[in-house]
Amino acid sequence: QEQLVESGGGVVQAGGSLRLSCVASGRTFSGYDMGWFRQAPGKERESVATITWLSGSTRYADSVKGRFTASRDSAKNTVYLQMNSLKPEDTAVYYCAVGHRPISYSGIDPFPRYAVNYWGKGTEVTVSS
């Protein structure tokens, strides 16, 4: 059974850093795209970053570009989201996801929600001011 398990969330002061991890299991995801999403209270889930498992190429939402970095460790079946210079508006539950980002997709989101096949259960990040 496919499973994505996130960890690394917590409470941090503004300007601080956190690194989220997502361990994938149950199948081989080497041909897939891995995405990071977040959902703040009362808001819709939004795409934050995506990384292609094979090539390691990344895309980011404008709101996190230059502050967040996605990476993967194929040997550990794990993707990461390094979050630096955190802001209170980054407070949200962060979700890992896997799917196929359409080659023809030209939207602004790093990873469109309709392309997600599996979701993790999320890890909470709180940034205090």
Protein backbone atom coordinates (compact mmCIF):
# COMPACT_ATOMS: atom_id res chain seq x y z
CA GLN A 1 0.00 0.00 0.00
CA GLU A 2 1.36 3.38 -1.02
CA GLN A 3 2.17 5.62 1.88
CA LEU A 4 3.66 9.06 2.38
CA VAL A 5 4.68 10.05 5.90
CA GLU A 6 5.72 13.61 6.69
CA SER A 7 7.74 14.75 9.68
CA GLY A 8 9.75 17.72 10.85
CA GLY A 9 7.03 20.22 11.60
CA GLY A 10 7.01 22.29 14.75
CA VAL A 11 6.97 25.76 16.22
CA VAL A 12 9.63 28.23 15.17
CA GLN A 13 10.14 31.97 15.46
CA ALA A 14 9.98 34.20 12.43
CA GLY A 15 13.28 34.13 10.58
CA GLY A 16 13.99 30.59 11.69
CA SER A 17 14.30 27.38 9.70
CA LEU A 18 12.74 23.94 9.56
CA ARG A 19 13.34 20.90 7.38
CA LEU A 20 10.40 18.72 6.51
CA SER A 21 10.82 15.13 5.43
CA CYS A 22 8.51 12.84 3.52
CA VAL A 23 9.21 9.11 3.38
CA ALA A 24 7.54 7.28 0.51
CA SER A 25 6.81 3.56 0.70
CA GLY A 26 4.68 0.87 -0.86
CA ARG A 27 5.83 1.25 -4.43
CA THR A 28 8.50 2.79 -6.63
CA PHE A 29 7.96 6.48 -7.21
CA SER A 30 11.03 7.02 -9.36
CA GLY A 31 9.01 8.08 -12.39
CA TYR A 32 6.82 10.46 -10.47
CA ASP A 33 6.77 14.07 -9.38
CA MET A 34 6.76 14.81 -5.67
CA GLY A 35 4.98 17.87 -4.38
CA TRP A 36 4.76 19.90 -1.23
CA PHE A 37 1.47 21.63 -0.44
CA ARG A 38 0.26 23.61 2.53
CA GLN A 39 -3.07 24.55 3.99
CA ALA A 40 -3.50 27.40 6.43
CA PRO A 41 -6.58 27.63 8.65
CA GLY A 42 -9.57 28.79 6.64
CA LYS A 43 -7.68 28.70 3.36
CA GLU A 44 -7.47 26.35 0.43
CA ARG A 45 -4.62 23.92 0.05
CA GLU A 46 -1.93 25.48 -2.12
CA SER A 47 1.01 24.12 -4.02
CA VAL A 48 4.37 25.19 -2.60
CA ALA A 49 7.03 23.21 -4.42
CA THR A 50 7.57 20.23 -6.63
CA ILE A 51 10.56 18.04 -7.43
CA THR A 52 10.89 15.49 -10.17
CA TRP A 53 12.14 12.28 -8.65
CA LEU A 54 14.38 11.24 -11.53
CA SER A 55 16.00 14.52 -12.54
CA GLY A 56 15.67 16.46 -9.32
CA SER A 57 14.34 19.52 -11.14
CA THR A 58 12.30 21.82 -8.94
CA ARG A 59 9.61 24.46 -9.16
CA TYR A 60 8.39 26.83 -6.45
CA ALA A 61 5.50 29.09 -5.69
CA ASP A 62 6.44 32.76 -5.85
CA SER A 63 5.63 33.13 -2.15
CA VAL A 64 8.45 30.76 -1.14
CA LYS A 65 10.95 31.18 -3.96
CA GLY A 66 14.41 31.89 -2.59
CA ARG A 67 13.47 30.70 0.90
CA PHE A 68 12.37 27.08 0.42
CA THR A 69 14.37 24.31 -1.23
CA ALA A 70 13.05 20.89 -2.23
CA SER A 71 15.41 17.94 -2.51
CA ARG A 72 15.31 14.15 -2.57
CA ASP A 73 17.36 11.21 -1.44
CA SER A 74 16.60 8.30 -3.73
CA ALA A 75 18.38 5.79 -1.53
CA LYS A 76 16.11 6.69 1.37
CA ASN A 77 12.94 7.17 -0.72
CA THR A 78 12.67 10.54 0.97
CA VAL A 79 11.98 14.07 -0.19
CA TYR A 80 12.75 17.14 1.86
CA LEU A 81 11.61 20.72 2.09
CA GLN A 82 14.17 23.03 3.63
CA MET A 83 12.38 26.14 4.81
CA ASN A 84 14.46 29.20 5.70
CA SER A 85 13.58 32.76 6.65
CA LEU A 86 10.20 31.58 7.81
CA LYS A 87 7.38 34.08 8.14
CA PRO A 88 4.16 33.94 10.19
CA GLU A 89 2.25 33.58 6.92
CA ASP A 90 4.04 30.27 6.34
CA THR A 91 2.04 28.81 9.23
CA ALA A 92 0.07 25.85 7.86
CA VAL A 93 -0.21 22.10 7.71
CA TYR A 94 2.28 20.91 5.12
CA TYR A 95 1.47 17.91 2.97
CA CYS A 96 3.60 15.70 0.80
CA ALA A 97 2.06 14.44 -2.42
CA VAL A 98 2.97 12.32 -5.42
CA GLY A 99 1.66 12.26 -8.95
CA HIS A 100 2.49 13.23 -12.51
CA ARG A 101 2.78 16.91 -13.29
CA PRO A 102 1.50 17.18 -16.87
CA ILE A 103 4.17 18.25 -19.33
CA SER A 104 1.65 20.50 -21.02
CA TYR A 105 0.66 22.22 -17.75
CA SER A 106 1.33 25.95 -17.96
CA GLY A 107 -0.34 27.19 -14.78
CA ILE A 108 1.38 29.09 -12.03
CA ASP A 109 1.17 26.33 -9.43
CA PRO A 110 4.30 24.22 -9.10
CA PHE A 111 2.05 21.13 -8.92
CA PRO A 112 -1.65 21.23 -9.84
CA ARG A 113 -3.86 19.48 -7.30
CA TYR A 114 -5.64 17.45 -9.96
CA ALA A 115 -2.33 15.74 -10.76
CA VAL A 116 -1.91 14.32 -7.26
CA ASN A 117 -2.38 10.57 -6.88
CA TYR A 118 -1.46 10.16 -3.21
CA TRP A 119 -1.35 12.45 -0.20
CA GLY A 120 0.42 12.26 3.10
CA LYS A 121 -1.40 13.13 6.32
CA GLY A 122 0.53 16.33 6.89
CA THR A 123 2.81 17.92 9.46
CA GLU A 124 2.03 21.18 11.20
CA VAL A 125 4.27 24.22 11.01
CA THR A 126 3.71 27.25 13.21
CA VAL A 127 5.77 30.39 12.79
CA SER A 128 5.48 32.86 15.63
CA SER A 129 6.11 36.58 15.20
